[in-house]
Amino acid sequence: MPGSSRPALLWDLVLGVLGTAAFLLDLGADLWAAVQYALGGRYLWAGLVLALLGLASVAMQLFSWLWLRGDPADLHGSQPPRRCLALLHLLQLGYLYRCMQGLQQGLLVWRQEEPSEFDLAYTDFLSLDISMLRLFETFLETTPQLTLVLAIILQSGQAECYQWVGICTSFLGISWALLDYHRALRTCLPSKPLLGWGSSVIYFLWNLLLLWPRVLAVALFSALFPSYVALHFLGLWLVLLLWVWLQGTDFMPDASSEWLYRLTVATILYFSWFNVAEGHTRGRATIHLAFLLSDSILLVATWVTHSSWLPSRIPLQLWLSVGGGCFLLGLALRLVYYRWLHPSCRRWEPEPDQVDGARSLLSPEGYQLPQNRRMTQLAQNFFPKAKDGAASPVKGEVNGVL
């Protein structure tokens, strides 16, 4: 960001490298698990791992390609021709290309004694898109993979080395994506201070602790009733998709690609909260939390009434206690965060969300700076008020936020 010190720029560059490494590590763990399942003759498990990996990768490449195609023609001056970019995305390398492009731009800015306003703004533009793509990948692939491997372990009663590696990389990827995305939102609005280290730790802890019971509930249901979990997901997913559609999202460049966004958001909502429109965020978040909690309680009731033991002879009461404790602790940390550790140090307010201040589109020299309107509008929907009144973003750019 403008005015950033060289140590801060270096730290952002290091975080970019670690984020890319975490993605590659998670990808390697998933492929390792699929190979091990296939070698052990468990072809259904191997097929499920590869199917989740493939579907998430295709969706992520589509988002990346559609955004690149919708960006101004002169924004990415040094990128390859459009045909080469299309081929990269077809080969499922579009996200890695974006990561390399972001790291290259970050290194260029860090090497400059006094980076230009344009270079800093363009670096932010690239990093914001990467954060959003990482979040999509987390809930389309990493979270379902975590649910699948937990169901396999609970059903079989044993965990192999590659499964533990997959669990660890999944938790790392989920935590990283949630925190990185929220921090990225705050960089879009100069009126909002960045998260400190203490706030950052508590933020991703409560997100993780609230997500874990949901993942555990679905994993236990999958272990006990593997034939019905797809039906359960499809039923809830259709309801959530209807809710997203009724809120009138307007995130993607055109109406046809908007459905890709809605399908993705419905999948995220199956596991976690994701706000897709301006308005009373607190009310919608409460409704969604109550909806997921009710569904998880129904899943728990199904376990208890049909069996008190897993196929691996592990008592369900043990996992029920773990999940309930994590939920209560996560809820408590969430209240602590918004009461004492939130950068604005105030409670949620009941008034409808207002348009936040955004970074100026013009540099002091008068030329237009790159602005990632996709993420800027997400941030404006997320944060209820801003002290500095800037121009409202162009209607129809984006909607949606965790």
Protein backbone atom coordinates (compact mmCIF):
# COMPACT_ATOMS: atom_id res chain seq x y z
CA MET A 1 0.00 0.00 0.00
CA PRO A 2 1.13 3.62 -0.50
CA GLY A 3 3.46 4.65 2.26
CA SER A 4 4.37 1.07 3.17
CA SER A 5 7.85 0.61 4.61
CA ARG A 6 10.37 -1.78 3.09
CA PRO A 7 10.12 -4.25 6.03
CA ALA A 8 6.34 -4.33 5.57
CA LEU A 9 6.73 -4.93 1.84
CA LEU A 10 9.23 -7.71 2.53
CA TRP A 11 6.86 -9.29 5.04
CA ASP A 12 4.01 -9.20 2.48
CA LEU A 13 6.34 -10.87 -0.02
CA VAL A 14 7.26 -13.59 2.48
CA LEU A 15 3.57 -14.21 3.22
CA GLY A 16 2.93 -14.53 -0.51
CA VAL A 17 5.65 -17.17 -0.81
CA LEU A 18 4.30 -19.06 2.22
CA GLY A 19 0.76 -18.92 0.86
CA THR A 20 1.85 -20.38 -2.47
CA ALA A 21 3.89 -23.05 -0.68
CA ALA A 22 0.88 -23.96 1.49
CA PHE A 23 -1.27 -24.40 -1.62
CA LEU A 24 1.33 -26.68 -3.26
CA LEU A 25 1.76 -28.65 -0.03
CA ASP A 26 -1.98 -29.23 0.26
CA LEU A 27 -2.15 -30.25 -3.41
CA GLY A 28 0.70 -32.70 -2.92
CA ALA A 29 -0.94 -34.18 0.18
CA ASP A 30 -4.20 -34.77 -1.73
CA LEU A 31 -2.43 -36.45 -4.64
CA TRP A 32 -0.41 -38.58 -2.21
CA ALA A 33 -3.62 -39.71 -0.51
CA ALA A 34 -5.29 -40.54 -3.84
CA VAL A 35 -2.31 -42.65 -4.93
CA GLN A 36 -2.23 -44.51 -1.61
CA TYR A 37 -5.95 -45.25 -1.77
CA ALA A 38 -5.59 -46.55 -5.33
CA LEU A 39 -2.60 -48.74 -4.42
CA GLY A 40 -4.59 -50.17 -1.53
CA GLY A 41 -7.49 -51.08 -3.79
CA ARG A 42 -9.82 -48.40 -2.35
CA TYR A 43 -10.71 -46.94 -5.71
CA LEU A 44 -13.89 -45.19 -4.53
CA TRP A 45 -11.94 -43.14 -2.00
CA ALA A 46 -9.27 -42.34 -4.57
CA GLY A 47 -11.94 -41.30 -7.07
CA LEU A 48 -13.65 -39.02 -4.53
CA VAL A 49 -10.36 -37.30 -3.68
CA LEU A 50 -9.56 -36.70 -7.35
CA ALA A 51 -13.13 -35.60 -8.13
CA LEU A 52 -13.11 -32.96 -5.39
CA LEU A 53 -9.67 -31.81 -6.49
CA GLY A 54 -10.69 -31.60 -10.14
CA LEU A 55 -14.01 -29.79 -9.60
CA ALA A 56 -12.42 -27.18 -7.32
CA SER A 57 -9.55 -26.63 -9.75
CA VAL A 58 -11.88 -26.13 -12.71
CA ALA A 59 -14.01 -23.63 -10.77
CA MET A 60 -10.93 -21.70 -9.61
CA GLN A 61 -9.51 -21.53 -13.15
CA LEU A 62 -12.88 -20.29 -14.47
CA PHE A 63 -12.99 -17.50 -11.91
CA SER A 64 -9.42 -16.50 -12.69
CA TRP A 65 -9.98 -16.50 -16.46
CA LEU A 66 -13.26 -14.59 -16.30
CA TRP A 67 -11.70 -11.92 -14.10
CA LEU A 68 -8.69 -11.55 -16.38
CA ARG A 69 -10.95 -11.27 -19.41
CA GLY A 70 -13.08 -8.64 -17.67
CA ASP A 71 -10.15 -6.49 -16.51
CA PRO A 72 -9.19 -3.38 -18.54
CA ALA A 73 -7.12 -4.34 -21.58
CA ASP A 74 -4.17 -2.10 -20.63
CA LEU A 75 -4.05 -3.07 -16.94
CA HIS A 76 -1.80 -6.14 -17.20
CA GLY A 77 0.74 -4.73 -19.62
CA SER A 78 3.43 -7.42 -19.33
CA GLN A 79 1.28 -10.56 -19.26
CA PRO A 80 1.35 -13.20 -22.05
CA PRO A 81 -1.08 -13.08 -24.98
CA ARG A 82 -4.68 -14.04 -24.30
CA ARG A 83 -4.32 -17.40 -26.06
CA CYS A 84 -1.41 -18.34 -23.81
CA LEU A 85 -3.40 -17.33 -20.73
CA ALA A 86 -6.36 -19.40 -21.92
CA LEU A 87 -4.06 -22.40 -22.40
CA LEU A 88 -2.58 -21.96 -18.92
CA HIS A 89 -6.04 -21.97 -17.38
CA LEU A 90 -7.08 -24.94 -19.51
CA LEU A 91 -4.08 -26.82 -18.13
CA GLN A 92 -5.19 -25.86 -14.59
CA LEU A 93 -2.18 -23.60 -14.09
CA GLY A 94 -3.98 -20.25 -14.00
CA TYR A 95 -3.93 -19.87 -10.23
CA LEU A 96 -0.23 -20.71 -10.02
CA TYR A 97 0.41 -18.18 -12.80
CA ARG A 98 -1.38 -15.55 -10.73
CA CYS A 99 0.70 -16.46 -7.67
CA MET A 100 3.92 -16.14 -9.66
CA GLN A 101 2.74 -12.85 -11.16
CA GLY A 102 1.92 -11.52 -7.69
CA LEU A 103 5.29 -12.59 -6.29
CA GLN A 104 7.12 -11.06 -9.25
CA GLN A 105 5.29 -7.76 -8.81
CA GLY A 106 5.88 -7.82 -5.05
CA LEU A 107 9.59 -8.41 -5.57
CA LEU A 108 9.71 -5.55 -8.09
CA VAL A 109 8.09 -3.16 -5.60
CA TRP A 110 10.33 -4.26 -2.72
CA ARG A 111 13.48 -3.67 -4.76
CA GLN A 112 12.52 -0.07 -5.52
CA GLU A 113 13.73 2.56 -3.07
CA GLU A 114 10.53 4.57 -3.53
CA PRO A 115 7.86 2.50 -5.29
CA SER A 116 5.45 4.42 -7.48
CA GLU A 117 1.80 4.77 -6.59
CA PHE A 118 0.86 2.71 -9.64
CA ASP A 119 3.18 -0.19 -8.77
CA LEU A 120 1.88 -0.32 -5.20
CA ALA A 121 -1.76 -0.19 -6.32
CA TYR A 122 -1.16 -2.86 -8.97
CA THR A 123 0.49 -5.10 -6.36
CA ASP A 124 -2.58 -4.74 -4.17
CA PHE A 125 -4.82 -5.50 -7.15
CA LEU A 126 -3.07 -8.80 -7.84
CA SER A 127 -2.86 -9.88 -4.20
CA LEU A 128 -6.56 -9.23 -3.63
CA ASP A 129 -7.56 -11.51 -6.51
CA ILE A 130 -5.21 -14.21 -5.20
CA SER A 131 -6.80 -13.97 -1.74
CA MET A 132 -10.28 -14.40 -3.19
CA LEU A 133 -9.25 -17.37 -5.33
CA ARG A 134 -7.56 -18.98 -2.33
CA LEU A 135 -10.75 -18.61 -0.33
CA PHE A 136 -12.81 -20.27 -3.08
CA GLU A 137 -10.31 -23.12 -3.29
CA THR A 138 -10.47 -23.57 0.48
CA PHE A 139 -14.22 -24.17 0.60
CA LEU A 140 -14.53 -25.99 -2.71
CA GLU A 141 -11.65 -28.42 -2.17
CA THR A 142 -9.75 -28.18 1.14
CA THR A 143 -12.77 -28.26 3.48
CA PRO A 144 -14.57 -31.10 1.61
CA GLN A 145 -11.28 -33.04 1.49
CA LEU A 146 -10.89 -32.61 5.25
CA THR A 147 -14.45 -33.87 5.76
CA LEU A 148 -13.77 -36.87 3.53
CA VAL A 149 -10.52 -37.92 5.21
CA LEU A 150 -12.10 -37.58 8.67
CA ALA A 151 -15.02 -39.78 7.57
CA ILE A 152 -12.59 -42.39 6.23
CA ILE A 153 -10.58 -42.39 9.47
CA LEU A 154 -13.70 -42.59 11.65
CA GLN A 155 -15.07 -45.47 9.59
CA SER A 156 -11.85 -47.46 9.38
CA GLY A 157 -10.67 -46.76 12.93
CA GLN A 158 -7.08 -46.05 11.89
CA ALA A 159 -5.14 -43.16 10.40
CA GLU A 160 -2.21 -43.52 8.05
CA CYS A 161 0.70 -41.10 7.82
CA TYR A 162 -0.54 -39.52 4.58
CA GLN A 163 -3.97 -38.95 6.16
CA TRP A 164 -2.45 -37.07 9.08
CA VAL A 165 -0.47 -34.98 6.61
CA GLY A 166 -3.70 -34.23 4.74
CA ILE A 167 -5.49 -33.18 7.94
CA CYS A 168 -2.63 -30.89 8.99
CA THR A 169 -2.30 -29.25 5.56
CA SER A 170 -6.08 -28.80 5.36
CA PHE A 171 -6.24 -27.02 8.72
CA LEU A 172 -3.26 -24.89 7.71
CA GLY A 173 -4.86 -23.98 4.39
CA ILE A 174 -8.25 -23.15 5.91
CA SER A 175 -6.76 -20.98 8.66
CA TRP A 176 -4.48 -19.19 6.23
CA ALA A 177 -7.24 -18.50 3.70
CA LEU A 178 -9.70 -17.15 6.28
CA LEU A 179 -7.17 -14.82 7.87
CA ASP A 180 -5.60 -13.70 4.60
CA TYR A 181 -9.00 -12.93 3.09
CA HIS A 182 -10.14 -10.83 6.04
CA ARG A 183 -6.87 -8.92 6.15
CA ALA A 184 -7.13 -8.35 2.40
CA LEU A 185 -10.59 -6.82 2.81
CA ARG A 186 -9.27 -4.25 5.24
CA THR A 187 -6.54 -3.11 2.84
CA CYS A 188 -9.29 -1.99 0.44
CA LEU A 189 -10.55 0.67 2.86
CA PRO A 190 -8.08 3.20 4.27
CA SER A 191 -10.54 4.13 7.04
CA LYS A 192 -10.20 0.65 8.51
CA PRO A 193 -7.03 -0.13 10.53
CA LEU A 194 -5.28 -3.39 9.76
CA LEU A 195 -5.56 -6.33 12.13
CA GLY A 196 -2.86 -6.63 14.75
CA TRP A 197 -1.19 -9.94 15.53
CA GLY A 198 -3.34 -10.60 18.60
CA SER A 199 -6.56 -9.83 16.72
CA SER A 200 -5.40 -11.95 13.79
CA VAL A 201 -4.78 -14.99 15.98
CA ILE A 202 -8.16 -14.73 17.71
CA TYR A 203 -9.91 -14.09 14.39
CA PHE A 204 -8.78 -17.26 12.66
CA LEU A 205 -9.11 -19.27 15.89
CA TRP A 206 -12.82 -18.52 16.28
CA ASN A 207 -13.40 -19.13 12.57
CA LEU A 208 -11.62 -22.46 12.80
CA LEU A 209 -13.36 -23.50 16.03
CA LEU A 210 -16.79 -22.75 14.56
CA LEU A 211 -15.96 -24.51 11.30
CA TRP A 212 -14.56 -27.66 12.97
CA PRO A 213 -17.86 -28.81 14.60
CA ARG A 214 -19.65 -28.45 11.26
CA VAL A 215 -16.98 -30.49 9.47
CA LEU A 216 -17.05 -33.07 12.26
CA ALA A 217 -20.86 -33.36 12.13
CA VAL A 218 -20.85 -34.00 8.38
CA ALA A 219 -17.87 -36.37 8.65
CA LEU A 220 -19.55 -38.47 11.35
CA PHE A 221 -22.77 -38.60 9.34
CA SER A 222 -20.74 -39.69 6.31
CA ALA A 223 -19.00 -42.42 8.31
CA LEU A 224 -22.29 -43.85 9.60
CA PHE A 225 -24.48 -43.27 6.53
CA PRO A 226 -22.21 -42.95 3.48
CA SER A 227 -25.11 -43.56 1.10
CA TYR A 228 -27.08 -40.54 2.30
CA VAL A 229 -24.47 -37.80 2.67
CA ALA A 230 -24.70 -36.76 -1.00
CA LEU A 231 -28.48 -36.43 -0.68
CA HIS A 232 -28.06 -34.35 2.48
CA PHE A 233 -25.58 -32.02 0.81
CA LEU A 234 -27.70 -31.61 -2.32
CA GLY A 235 -30.85 -30.80 -0.33
CA LEU A 236 -29.19 -28.11 1.79
CA TRP A 237 -27.17 -26.79 -1.14
CA LEU A 238 -30.32 -26.15 -3.19
CA VAL A 239 -31.91 -24.26 -0.30
CA LEU A 240 -28.78 -22.15 0.16
CA LEU A 241 -28.55 -21.54 -3.59
CA LEU A 242 -32.12 -20.23 -3.56
CA TRP A 243 -31.22 -17.90 -0.68
CA VAL A 244 -28.21 -16.56 -2.57
CA TRP A 245 -30.28 -16.03 -5.72
CA LEU A 246 -33.05 -14.19 -3.83
CA GLN A 247 -30.48 -11.71 -2.49
CA GLY A 248 -29.67 -10.59 -6.02
CA THR A 249 -25.90 -11.03 -6.19
CA ASP A 250 -24.02 -8.99 -8.79
CA PHE A 251 -20.40 -10.04 -8.51
CA MET A 252 -19.26 -11.38 -11.88
CA PRO A 253 -18.80 -9.48 -15.17
CA ASP A 254 -21.92 -10.95 -16.82
CA ALA A 255 -25.17 -12.68 -15.89
CA SER A 256 -24.16 -16.14 -17.09
CA SER A 257 -20.94 -16.26 -15.06
CA GLU A 258 -22.84 -14.91 -12.05
CA TRP A 259 -24.31 -18.38 -11.58
CA LEU A 260 -20.81 -19.78 -11.09
CA TYR A 261 -20.40 -17.37 -8.19
CA ARG A 262 -23.79 -18.31 -6.73
CA LEU A 263 -23.03 -22.02 -6.95
CA THR A 264 -19.73 -21.43 -5.19
CA VAL A 265 -21.25 -19.27 -2.45
CA ALA A 266 -23.93 -21.91 -1.79
CA THR A 267 -21.14 -24.45 -1.24
CA ILE A 268 -19.36 -22.10 1.17
CA LEU A 269 -22.59 -21.52 3.08
CA TYR A 270 -22.91 -25.26 3.63
CA PHE A 271 -19.84 -25.00 5.89
CA SER A 272 -19.51 -21.37 6.97
CA TRP A 273 -21.04 -17.87 6.82
CA PHE A 274 -20.61 -15.82 3.66
CA ASN A 275 -22.41 -12.52 3.20
CA VAL A 276 -23.51 -11.80 -0.37
CA ALA A 277 -25.35 -8.49 -0.14
CA GLU A 278 -25.54 -5.19 1.68
CA GLY A 279 -28.02 -4.77 4.52
CA HIS A 280 -28.42 -6.16 8.03
CA THR A 281 -25.35 -8.39 8.19
CA ARG A 282 -25.89 -9.29 11.84
CA GLY A 283 -29.39 -10.61 11.18
CA ARG A 284 -28.39 -12.73 8.19
CA ALA A 285 -25.36 -14.10 10.03
CA THR A 286 -27.54 -15.09 13.00
CA ILE A 287 -30.10 -16.79 10.73
CA HIS A 288 -27.36 -18.73 8.96
CA LEU A 289 -25.70 -19.78 12.23
CA ALA A 290 -29.04 -20.98 13.59
CA PHE A 291 -29.73 -22.86 10.35
CA LEU A 292 -26.39 -24.70 10.38
CA LEU A 293 -26.65 -25.38 14.10
CA SER A 294 -30.13 -26.87 13.66
CA ASP A 295 -28.95 -29.05 10.80
CA SER A 296 -25.93 -30.23 12.80
CA ILE A 297 -28.20 -31.07 15.75
CA LEU A 298 -30.38 -33.15 13.42
CA LEU A 299 -27.28 -35.00 12.24
CA VAL A 300 -26.29 -35.62 15.87
CA ALA A 301 -29.78 -36.90 16.64
CA THR A 302 -29.47 -39.30 13.71
CA TRP A 303 -26.21 -40.71 15.11
CA VAL A 304 -27.60 -41.13 18.62
CA THR A 305 -30.85 -42.81 17.58
CA HIS A 306 -29.21 -45.26 15.19
CA SER A 307 -25.93 -46.09 16.87
CA SER A 308 -23.84 -45.09 19.84
CA TRP A 309 -20.64 -46.46 18.29
CA LEU A 310 -18.83 -45.83 15.06
CA PRO A 311 -17.82 -48.78 12.84
CA SER A 312 -14.35 -48.37 14.35
CA ARG A 313 -15.87 -48.88 17.85
CA ILE A 314 -15.17 -45.28 18.88
CA PRO A 315 -18.00 -43.91 21.11
CA LEU A 316 -19.95 -41.12 19.44
CA GLN A 317 -20.35 -39.33 22.77
CA LEU A 318 -16.63 -38.59 22.76
CA TRP A 319 -16.77 -36.79 19.42
CA LEU A 320 -20.01 -35.08 20.39
CA SER A 321 -18.30 -33.60 23.45
CA VAL A 322 -15.32 -32.46 21.37
CA GLY A 323 -17.53 -30.81 18.75
CA GLY A 324 -19.76 -29.11 21.31
CA GLY A 325 -16.78 -27.79 23.26
CA CYS A 326 -15.18 -26.38 20.10
CA PHE A 327 -18.43 -24.65 19.12
CA LEU A 328 -18.88 -22.99 22.50
CA LEU A 329 -15.24 -21.92 22.64
CA GLY A 330 -15.40 -20.56 19.09
CA LEU A 331 -18.57 -18.63 19.88
CA ALA A 332 -16.95 -17.18 23.00
CA LEU A 333 -13.83 -16.13 21.08
CA ARG A 334 -16.02 -14.54 18.41
CA LEU A 335 -17.76 -12.42 21.05
CA VAL A 336 -14.40 -11.52 22.60
CA TYR A 337 -13.04 -10.52 19.21
CA TYR A 338 -15.92 -8.19 18.33
CA ARG A 339 -16.13 -6.76 21.85
CA TRP A 340 -12.47 -6.07 22.63
CA LEU A 341 -10.09 -7.04 19.78
CA HIS A 342 -11.82 -5.79 16.65
CA PRO A 343 -9.78 -2.89 15.15
CA SER A 344 -12.75 -0.53 15.42
CA CYS A 345 -13.29 -1.67 19.07
CA ARG A 346 -17.07 -1.59 18.94
CA ARG A 347 -19.98 -3.99 18.78
CA TRP A 348 -21.91 -4.85 15.68
CA GLU A 349 -24.52 -2.19 15.00
CA PRO A 350 -28.10 -2.90 13.93
CA GLU A 351 -28.26 -0.26 11.22
CA PRO A 352 -28.03 -1.37 7.57
CA ASP A 353 -24.54 -1.44 6.10
CA GLN A 354 -23.41 1.78 4.49
CA VAL A 355 -20.94 2.30 1.68
CA ASP A 356 -17.47 2.53 3.13
CA GLY A 357 -14.74 4.87 2.03
CA ALA A 358 -12.54 3.50 -0.73
CA ARG A 359 -9.08 4.30 -1.87
CA SER A 360 -8.97 7.22 -4.26
CA LEU A 361 -8.95 6.22 -7.91
CA LEU A 362 -6.60 9.05 -8.84
CA SER A 363 -2.96 9.43 -7.91
CA PRO A 364 -1.51 12.80 -6.90
CA GLU A 365 -0.23 13.11 -10.46
CA GLY A 366 -3.77 12.78 -11.80
CA TYR A 367 -3.64 9.44 -13.62
CA GLN A 368 -5.94 6.60 -12.70
CA LEU A 369 -4.63 3.93 -10.36
CA PRO A 370 -5.66 0.26 -10.55
CA GLN A 371 -8.46 -0.55 -8.13
CA ASN A 372 -9.77 -4.04 -7.54
CA ARG A 373 -13.46 -3.22 -7.45
CA ARG A 374 -14.36 -6.87 -6.87
CA MET A 375 -12.73 -6.89 -3.45
CA THR A 376 -13.43 -3.23 -2.68
CA GLN A 377 -17.16 -3.78 -2.89
CA LEU A 378 -16.84 -6.92 -0.78
CA ALA A 379 -15.14 -4.83 1.88
CA GLN A 380 -17.80 -2.12 1.64
CA ASN A 381 -20.52 -4.71 2.22
CA PHE A 382 -18.62 -6.27 5.12
CA PHE A 383 -17.82 -3.17 7.18
CA PRO A 384 -20.91 -1.24 8.29
CA LYS A 385 -19.51 2.28 8.43
CA ALA A 386 -16.54 4.33 7.34
CA LYS A 387 -15.31 7.67 8.60
CA ASP A 388 -14.05 8.96 5.29
CA GLY A 389 -16.69 9.46 2.58
CA ALA A 390 -15.36 8.54 -0.78
CA ALA A 391 -17.12 8.01 -4.06
CA SER A 392 -19.38 5.00 -4.21
CA PRO A 393 -18.18 2.16 -6.40
CA VAL A 394 -19.68 1.50 -9.76
CA LYS A 395 -22.97 -0.37 -9.47
CA GLY A 396 -22.85 -3.96 -10.60
CA GLU A 397 -19.22 -4.64 -9.82
CA VAL A 398 -19.30 -7.10 -6.91
CA ASN A 399 -21.17 -8.33 -3.89
CA GLY A 400 -20.26 -10.85 -1.20
CA VAL A 401 -18.14 -11.30 1.88
CA LEU A 402 -17.30 -13.64 4.68
